[in-house]
Amino acid sequence: MFNNWLRQLFFACIVRPLTWVILGINIRHQTRLPQKGPAIIVANHNSHLDTLVLMSLFPLKQLPQLRPVAAADYFLQNRLVAWLSLKIIGIIPMARHIQKGVDPFAEIYTVLSENNIIILFPEGTRGEPEQMSKFKNGVARLGQNVPNVPIIPIFLHGLGKALPKGEAVFVPFFCDVFVGEPLIWQNNKQAYMQNLDDAMQQLANEGQFAAWE
């Protein structure tokens, strides 16, 4: 309970002024955001700001139900970062290198069974500024194992300029957010990944953005 209060205070006083006022967010199709879980949000990944922006799209009271998946080796590397990541942001830590016989999605299934909303970046890591890498097939496996849970694609633009990988200086570039229609498992991994890729590309095309150089 105390951690939930701290999380709401952190987002109300720091994250929301950063994302909505200093950065600026223009969201399209906001009504497509899930009002409750279980649900999975998948988005392209260019910046550490991605998670904060996605969480800022939801009401403060919904924060306890938002659980972003993040690399355990990066966010649990020291006590302060680990505490902030686990207790305030509420990440689900995932190992980059999976041990044999261990289901990497085990905790995700548990969190979904508690009617929460997962935030997932299927590229696996942050890409180059404003360039979308190919999604890994793990998201199809996840969809197959929880076929009744909607997966909502979201395309983010601008955050790769605001705080790209390898940079520590924040530049307040405007952020555009495009929310797609929910996808449901279709009994074919290849077709499912193609539909997800098509949905993300359609959202990207909707913005008609010039190439970032």
Protein backbone atom coordinates (compact mmCIF):
# COMPACT_ATOMS: atom_id res chain seq x y z
CA MET A 1 0.00 0.00 0.00
CA PHE A 2 2.83 2.38 0.93
CA ASN A 3 4.66 1.60 -2.32
CA ASN A 4 1.49 2.35 -4.32
CA TRP A 5 1.24 5.73 -2.61
CA LEU A 6 4.90 6.47 -3.38
CA ARG A 7 4.38 5.41 -6.99
CA GLN A 8 1.42 7.75 -7.45
CA LEU A 9 3.36 10.60 -5.81
CA PHE A 10 6.39 9.97 -8.04
CA PHE A 11 4.31 9.97 -11.21
CA ALA A 12 2.15 12.93 -10.18
CA CYS A 13 5.06 15.18 -9.13
CA ILE A 14 7.89 14.07 -11.44
CA VAL A 15 6.91 11.81 -14.33
CA ARG A 16 3.72 13.52 -15.51
CA PRO A 17 5.21 17.06 -15.52
CA LEU A 18 8.19 15.65 -17.43
CA THR A 19 6.17 13.76 -20.03
CA TRP A 20 3.08 15.92 -20.50
CA VAL A 21 4.49 19.43 -19.88
CA ILE A 22 8.24 19.48 -20.61
CA LEU A 23 8.23 16.78 -23.29
CA GLY A 24 4.68 17.03 -24.60
CA ILE A 25 2.54 14.09 -25.73
CA ASN A 26 0.08 13.89 -28.58
CA ILE A 27 -1.91 10.65 -28.30
CA ARG A 28 -4.09 9.27 -31.10
CA HIS A 29 -6.90 6.74 -30.47
CA GLN A 30 -6.68 7.02 -26.69
CA THR A 31 -10.01 5.18 -26.29
CA ARG A 32 -8.26 2.00 -27.46
CA LEU A 33 -6.19 1.87 -24.27
CA PRO A 34 -7.33 -0.97 -21.99
CA GLN A 35 -9.49 0.19 -19.12
CA LYS A 36 -8.59 -2.88 -17.08
CA GLY A 37 -6.56 -6.07 -17.26
CA PRO A 38 -5.61 -8.58 -18.14
CA ALA A 39 -4.05 -6.98 -21.21
CA ILE A 40 -0.64 -6.67 -22.86
CA ILE A 41 0.73 -3.50 -24.43
CA VAL A 42 3.52 -3.94 -26.98
CA ALA A 43 5.48 -0.96 -28.25
CA ASN A 44 8.61 -0.04 -30.17
CA HIS A 45 11.60 0.84 -28.00
CA ASN A 46 14.03 3.74 -28.55
CA SER A 47 14.47 5.27 -25.11
CA HIS A 48 14.23 4.81 -21.34
CA LEU A 49 11.44 7.38 -21.57
CA ASP A 50 9.24 4.87 -23.42
CA THR A 51 8.05 3.14 -20.25
CA LEU A 52 7.37 6.40 -18.40
CA VAL A 53 5.38 7.81 -21.32
CA LEU A 54 3.27 4.66 -21.67
CA MET A 55 2.51 4.60 -17.95
CA SER A 56 1.63 8.31 -18.08
CA LEU A 57 -1.19 7.57 -20.52
CA PHE A 58 -3.20 5.93 -17.73
CA PRO A 59 -4.93 7.45 -14.68
CA LEU A 60 -2.85 7.55 -11.50
CA LYS A 61 -5.24 5.15 -9.78
CA GLN A 62 -4.42 2.54 -12.43
CA LEU A 63 -0.66 2.62 -11.81
CA PRO A 64 -0.62 -0.42 -9.48
CA GLN A 65 -2.01 -2.51 -12.34
CA LEU A 66 0.69 -1.41 -14.85
CA ARG A 67 3.69 -3.74 -14.94
CA PRO A 68 6.45 -3.08 -17.49
CA VAL A 69 8.83 -5.90 -18.39
CA ALA A 70 12.50 -4.89 -18.14
CA ALA A 71 15.95 -6.47 -18.34
CA ALA A 72 16.98 -7.82 -14.92
CA ASP A 73 20.72 -7.39 -15.52
CA TYR A 74 20.29 -3.68 -16.30
CA PHE A 75 17.72 -2.55 -13.75
CA LEU A 76 18.84 -4.69 -10.81
CA GLN A 77 22.53 -3.78 -11.06
CA ASN A 78 22.58 -1.67 -7.87
CA ARG A 79 20.34 -1.22 -4.86
CA LEU A 80 19.01 2.26 -5.66
CA VAL A 81 18.11 1.47 -9.28
CA ALA A 82 16.65 -1.88 -8.23
CA TRP A 83 14.49 -0.27 -5.52
CA LEU A 84 13.23 2.44 -7.88
CA SER A 85 12.56 -0.07 -10.65
CA LEU A 86 10.81 -2.68 -8.52
CA LYS A 87 8.99 -0.62 -5.91
CA ILE A 88 8.19 2.63 -7.74
CA ILE A 89 8.03 1.72 -11.44
CA GLY A 90 6.84 -1.82 -10.69
CA ILE A 91 8.88 -3.66 -13.31
CA ILE A 92 8.81 -7.38 -13.96
CA PRO A 93 12.53 -8.24 -14.23
CA MET A 94 13.36 -10.68 -17.02
CA ALA A 95 16.72 -12.34 -17.67
CA ARG A 96 18.21 -11.75 -21.11
CA HIS A 97 19.75 -15.23 -21.12
CA ILE A 98 17.17 -17.89 -20.38
CA GLN A 99 18.16 -20.94 -18.38
CA LYS A 100 17.21 -24.34 -19.73
CA GLY A 101 13.91 -25.55 -18.33
CA VAL A 102 12.91 -22.09 -17.06
CA ASP A 103 9.85 -20.39 -18.52
CA PRO A 104 10.81 -16.71 -18.98
CA PHE A 105 7.14 -15.71 -18.99
CA ALA A 106 6.20 -17.42 -15.70
CA GLU A 107 5.90 -14.19 -13.71
CA ILE A 108 4.05 -12.50 -16.58
CA TYR A 109 1.39 -15.23 -16.48
CA THR A 110 1.00 -14.70 -12.74
CA VAL A 111 0.68 -10.94 -13.11
CA LEU A 112 -1.90 -11.34 -15.90
CA SER A 113 -3.91 -13.76 -13.75
CA GLU A 114 -4.20 -10.90 -11.24
CA ASN A 115 -5.86 -8.74 -13.94
CA ASN A 116 -2.89 -6.44 -14.49
CA ILE A 117 -1.64 -4.76 -17.67
CA ILE A 118 1.76 -5.79 -18.99
CA ILE A 119 3.99 -3.36 -20.92
CA LEU A 120 6.35 -5.21 -23.25
CA PHE A 121 8.96 -4.17 -25.83
CA PRO A 122 9.27 -7.07 -28.31
CA GLU A 123 12.41 -5.64 -29.92
CA GLY A 124 14.18 -6.81 -26.76
CA THR A 125 16.37 -3.73 -26.37
CA ARG A 126 16.44 -0.06 -27.29
CA GLY A 127 17.11 0.52 -30.98
CA GLU A 128 18.68 3.35 -32.93
CA PRO A 129 16.83 6.71 -32.81
CA GLU A 130 13.45 6.45 -34.54
CA GLN A 131 14.25 3.11 -36.17
CA MET A 132 12.05 0.11 -35.43
CA SER A 133 13.77 -3.28 -35.30
CA LYS A 134 12.12 -6.59 -36.03
CA PHE A 135 9.97 -7.89 -33.18
CA LYS A 136 11.14 -11.11 -31.55
CA ASN A 137 8.87 -14.16 -31.74
CA GLY A 138 8.50 -14.37 -27.97
CA VAL A 139 5.45 -12.14 -28.16
CA ALA A 140 3.73 -14.78 -30.34
CA ARG A 141 4.52 -17.46 -27.78
CA LEU A 142 3.08 -15.23 -25.11
CA GLY A 143 -0.06 -14.69 -27.18
CA GLN A 144 -0.38 -18.42 -27.74
CA ASN A 145 -0.20 -19.20 -24.02
CA VAL A 146 -2.73 -16.51 -23.03
CA PRO A 147 -4.99 -16.55 -26.12
CA ASN A 148 -7.84 -14.65 -24.48
CA VAL A 149 -5.68 -11.72 -23.39
CA PRO A 150 -5.75 -8.81 -25.88
CA ILE A 151 -2.42 -7.45 -27.10
CA ILE A 152 -2.55 -3.75 -27.91
CA PRO A 153 0.15 -2.38 -30.27
CA ILE A 154 1.39 1.15 -29.61
CA PHE A 155 3.77 3.11 -31.82
CA LEU A 156 5.94 5.79 -30.19
CA HIS A 157 7.66 8.56 -32.13
CA GLY A 158 10.03 11.25 -30.88
CA LEU A 159 11.50 9.62 -27.79
CA GLY A 160 14.48 8.34 -29.75
CA LYS A 161 15.37 12.00 -30.23
CA ALA A 162 14.53 13.11 -26.68
CA LEU A 163 16.70 10.54 -24.91
CA PRO A 164 18.28 8.01 -27.30
CA LYS A 165 20.26 4.95 -26.31
CA GLY A 166 23.70 5.83 -24.99
CA GLU A 167 22.83 9.47 -24.21
CA ALA A 168 22.35 11.00 -20.77
CA VAL A 169 21.15 14.48 -21.81
CA PHE A 170 17.40 14.92 -22.13
CA VAL A 171 16.20 17.02 -25.09
CA PRO A 172 12.47 17.93 -25.01
CA PHE A 173 11.38 16.64 -28.42
CA PHE A 174 7.63 16.24 -28.83
CA CYS A 175 6.27 12.68 -28.51
CA ASP A 176 3.52 11.18 -30.67
CA VAL A 177 1.68 8.08 -29.46
CA PHE A 178 -0.51 5.93 -31.73
CA VAL A 179 -2.67 3.27 -30.09
CA GLY A 180 -3.73 0.34 -32.24
CA GLU A 181 -6.67 -2.05 -32.17
CA PRO A 182 -6.26 -5.06 -29.85
CA LEU A 183 -5.02 -8.27 -31.41
CA ILE A 184 -6.19 -11.74 -30.41
CA TRP A 185 -4.28 -15.01 -30.88
CA GLN A 186 -4.99 -16.67 -34.24
CA ASN A 187 -3.52 -20.19 -33.83
CA ASN A 188 -0.55 -19.46 -36.10
CA LYS A 189 2.65 -17.83 -34.85
CA GLN A 190 3.83 -16.65 -38.24
CA ALA A 191 0.48 -15.11 -39.16
CA TYR A 192 0.22 -13.54 -35.72
CA MET A 193 3.65 -11.89 -36.00
CA GLN A 194 2.80 -10.67 -39.48
CA ASN A 195 -0.43 -9.11 -38.23
CA LEU A 196 1.45 -7.43 -35.39
CA ASP A 197 4.13 -6.11 -37.75
CA ASP A 198 1.43 -4.83 -40.13
CA ALA A 199 -0.42 -3.14 -37.26
CA MET A 200 2.74 -1.38 -36.05
CA GLN A 201 3.64 -0.27 -39.55
CA GLN A 202 0.14 1.07 -40.12
CA LEU A 203 0.38 3.09 -36.91
CA ALA A 204 3.82 4.40 -37.94
CA ASN A 205 2.52 5.38 -41.37
CA GLU A 206 -0.38 7.24 -39.80
CA GLY A 207 2.01 9.90 -38.55
CA GLN A 208 3.63 10.45 -41.94
CA PHE A 209 6.91 11.33 -40.27
CA ALA A 210 10.02 12.22 -42.24
CA ALA A 211 13.04 9.96 -41.82
CA TRP A 212 15.22 10.86 -38.83
CA GLU A 213 18.84 11.61 -39.77
